[in-house]
Protein backbone atom coordinates (compact mmCIF):
# COMPACT_ATOMS: atom_id res chain seq x y z
CA MET A 1 128.63 90.08 213.48
CA THR A 2 128.48 86.34 214.14
CA ILE A 3 125.71 84.35 212.50
CA LEU A 4 124.74 81.26 214.48
CA THR A 5 123.37 78.12 212.91
CA ASP A 6 120.02 76.80 214.09
CA LYS A 7 121.86 74.00 215.91
CA GLU A 8 124.07 76.49 217.76
CA ILE A 9 121.03 78.55 218.79
CA PHE A 10 119.12 75.51 220.07
CA ASP A 11 122.21 74.10 221.80
CA ALA A 12 122.71 77.43 223.62
CA ILE A 13 119.06 77.50 224.72
CA ARG A 14 119.28 73.88 225.94
CA GLU A 15 122.46 74.65 227.86
CA ARG A 16 120.97 77.75 229.47
CA ARG A 17 117.79 75.91 230.46
CA GLY A 18 119.73 72.89 231.65
CA LYS A 19 117.30 70.50 230.00
CA SER A 20 116.16 69.24 226.62
CA LEU A 21 113.54 71.02 224.56
CA SER A 22 110.11 69.61 223.78
CA GLN A 23 108.70 69.83 220.27
CA ALA A 24 106.43 72.62 221.51
CA ASP A 25 109.53 74.52 222.73
CA VAL A 26 111.22 74.05 219.34
CA ASP A 27 108.11 75.23 217.48
CA ALA A 28 107.82 78.31 219.72
CA ILE A 29 111.48 79.22 219.22
CA ASN A 30 111.16 78.71 215.46
CA ALA A 31 108.14 81.03 215.42
CA VAL A 32 110.30 83.76 216.97
CA LEU A 33 113.32 83.11 214.74
CA TYR A 34 111.30 82.78 211.54
CA PRO A 35 108.08 84.77 211.82
CA ALA A 36 105.15 83.75 209.64
CA GLY A 37 104.34 85.56 206.47
CA GLY A 38 106.00 85.93 203.15
CA ARG A 39 106.22 83.41 200.35
CA VAL A 40 105.06 79.84 200.53
CA VAL A 41 106.37 76.71 198.88
CA SER A 42 104.18 75.32 196.11
CA LYS A 43 102.97 71.73 195.85
CA ASN A 44 105.79 71.05 193.34
CA GLY A 45 108.37 72.30 195.82
CA LEU A 46 106.86 70.37 198.70
CA ASP A 47 106.67 67.20 196.61
CA LEU A 48 110.34 67.59 195.68
CA ILE A 49 111.37 67.97 199.32
CA LYS A 50 109.28 65.00 200.41
CA SER A 51 110.55 62.78 197.58
CA PHE A 52 114.21 63.35 198.43
CA GLU A 53 113.89 63.48 202.20
CA GLY A 54 111.73 60.36 202.27
CA LEU A 55 109.70 59.46 205.32
CA SER A 56 110.97 57.60 208.34
CA LEU A 57 108.84 57.38 211.47
CA LYS A 58 111.85 56.04 213.37
CA ALA A 59 114.89 58.25 214.05
CA TYR A 60 118.07 57.46 212.13
CA PRO A 61 121.63 58.83 211.91
CA ASP A 62 122.64 61.08 209.02
CA PRO A 63 123.56 58.86 206.02
CA GLY A 64 126.49 61.09 205.06
CA THR A 65 128.14 61.13 208.48
CA GLY A 66 126.73 58.03 210.14
CA GLY A 67 125.92 60.21 213.16
CA GLU A 68 124.66 63.73 213.72
CA PRO A 69 122.23 65.07 212.91
CA ILE A 70 119.75 62.43 214.01
CA THR A 71 116.77 62.67 211.67
CA ILE A 72 113.10 61.63 211.70
CA GLY A 73 109.99 62.28 209.63
CA TYR A 74 110.72 64.13 206.40
CA GLY A 75 114.26 65.18 207.26
CA HIS A 76 113.42 66.79 210.61
CA THR A 77 116.40 67.35 212.92
CA GLY A 78 116.92 69.07 216.24
CA GLY A 79 116.27 67.53 219.63
CA ILE A 80 115.87 64.06 218.13
CA LYS A 81 117.49 61.02 219.68
CA LEU A 82 118.01 57.56 218.21
CA GLY A 83 115.09 55.36 219.20
CA THR A 84 112.52 58.13 218.80
CA VAL A 85 109.37 57.00 216.99
CA TRP A 86 106.74 59.32 215.52
CA THR A 87 103.25 58.97 214.11
CA GLN A 88 102.42 60.08 210.57
CA ALA A 89 100.63 63.10 212.07
CA GLN A 90 103.79 64.15 213.94
CA ALA A 91 105.86 63.82 210.75
CA ASP A 92 103.35 65.86 208.74
CA SER A 93 103.17 68.55 211.41
CA ALA A 94 106.95 68.84 211.68
CA LEU A 95 107.25 69.03 207.89
CA ALA A 96 104.74 71.90 207.74
CA VAL A 97 106.58 73.83 210.47
CA ASP A 98 110.03 73.12 209.00
CA VAL A 99 109.09 74.03 205.42
CA SER A 100 107.43 77.23 206.60
CA ARG A 101 110.52 78.16 208.61
CA PHE A 102 112.82 77.53 205.64
CA ALA A 103 110.49 79.37 203.26
CA ASP A 104 110.52 82.39 205.58
CA GLY A 105 114.31 82.18 205.89
CA VAL A 106 114.88 81.94 202.14
CA ALA A 107 112.39 84.76 201.49
CA GLY A 108 114.31 86.95 203.92
CA LEU A 109 117.63 86.11 202.30
CA ILE A 110 116.48 86.77 198.72
CA GLY A 111 114.80 90.01 199.78
CA SER A 112 113.30 91.91 196.87
CA ALA A 113 115.24 90.03 194.17
CA PRO A 114 112.86 88.97 191.38
CA THR A 115 112.14 85.28 191.96
CA THR A 116 109.80 82.86 190.22
CA GLN A 117 107.90 80.23 192.16
CA GLY A 118 110.14 77.50 190.71
CA GLN A 119 113.28 79.38 191.73
CA PHE A 120 111.91 79.94 195.23
CA ASP A 121 110.86 76.31 195.65
CA ALA A 122 114.25 75.05 194.48
CA MET A 123 116.13 77.35 196.84
CA VAL A 124 113.92 76.33 199.78
CA SER A 125 114.58 72.66 198.99
CA LEU A 126 118.33 73.33 198.95
CA ALA A 127 118.20 75.32 202.19
CA TYR A 128 116.05 72.63 203.82
CA ASN A 129 118.85 70.17 203.10
CA VAL A 130 121.99 72.26 203.72
CA GLY A 131 120.71 74.77 206.28
CA LEU A 132 119.86 78.45 206.06
CA ALA A 133 123.32 79.62 207.14
CA ASN A 134 125.00 77.63 204.37
CA PHE A 135 122.44 78.77 201.82
CA GLY A 136 122.77 82.36 203.03
CA SER A 137 126.51 82.43 202.34
CA SER A 138 126.26 80.55 199.04
CA THR A 139 127.43 81.73 195.65
CA LEU A 140 124.10 80.44 194.35
CA LEU A 141 122.23 83.05 196.41
CA LYS A 142 124.67 85.80 195.41
CA LYS A 143 124.21 84.97 191.72
CA HIS A 144 120.43 84.79 192.07
CA LYS A 145 120.26 88.18 193.77
CA ALA A 146 122.50 89.64 191.03
CA GLY A 147 120.09 88.36 188.37
CA ASP A 148 122.54 85.74 187.07
CA TYR A 149 119.91 83.00 186.94
CA ALA A 150 121.88 80.75 184.58
CA GLY A 151 124.88 80.98 186.89
CA ALA A 152 122.75 80.35 189.97
CA LYS A 153 121.22 77.27 188.32
CA THR A 154 124.67 75.75 187.75
CA GLU A 155 125.58 76.29 191.42
CA PHE A 156 123.13 73.62 192.62
CA ALA A 157 125.49 70.90 191.36
CA ARG A 158 128.20 72.06 193.78
CA TRP A 159 126.11 70.98 196.80
CA ASN A 160 126.35 67.22 196.26
CA LYS A 161 128.69 66.22 199.10
CA ALA A 162 128.21 65.07 202.68
CA ALA A 163 131.23 64.82 204.96
CA GLY A 164 133.38 65.59 201.89
CA LYS A 165 132.05 62.63 199.87
CA VAL A 166 130.02 62.94 196.67
CA MET A 167 126.62 61.37 197.36
CA ALA A 168 124.59 59.95 194.46
CA GLY A 169 121.32 60.93 196.16
CA LEU A 170 122.48 64.51 196.61
CA THR A 171 123.63 64.64 192.99
CA ARG A 172 120.13 63.55 191.87
CA ARG A 173 118.48 66.01 194.26
CA ARG A 174 120.58 68.93 193.04
CA ALA A 175 119.77 68.09 189.41
CA ALA A 176 116.06 68.06 190.27
CA GLU A 177 116.38 71.36 192.17
CA ALA A 178 118.25 72.95 189.25
CA GLU A 179 115.53 71.78 186.87
CA LEU A 180 112.82 73.24 189.14
CA TYR A 181 114.82 76.48 189.46
CA GLY A 182 114.92 76.78 185.67
CA SER A 183 111.21 76.05 185.20
């Protein structure tokens, strides 16, 4: 069984349609891929995501790669081109949709494993940054599901690189996520 990343899924849909996707198209596809329901991210988790993603109403290239993915708002990617400008309302809306999608994805991946709100929020923040496919194949998730919470907490520190380079911002984010996980 092949698991496709979100980017691969959206690229395939764009190719099949022969045109780019609107934000409404992306939201509709996300609703199918990640149905509503399940756990929600707390204010602490949302604040953590927002603080590390920051807000940019103008699209910019990924700081780790200098290119893809092009990002806007609070770390929103997918169908964004350099030069795109958003309003605060667009950024807030995309954040709500994105966080909900990642919360649903993480909830599905952790299944019935006992999980505190802090653990859930920390894992959603990680997945929001590294992608659901990467989170889904992580040792962190395996340890969490096995009940090795101390081991899972130490795994956050491993996710501090972009394009093979240790990033100070990612190191700080992972420390904050690990702290939230342990709360």
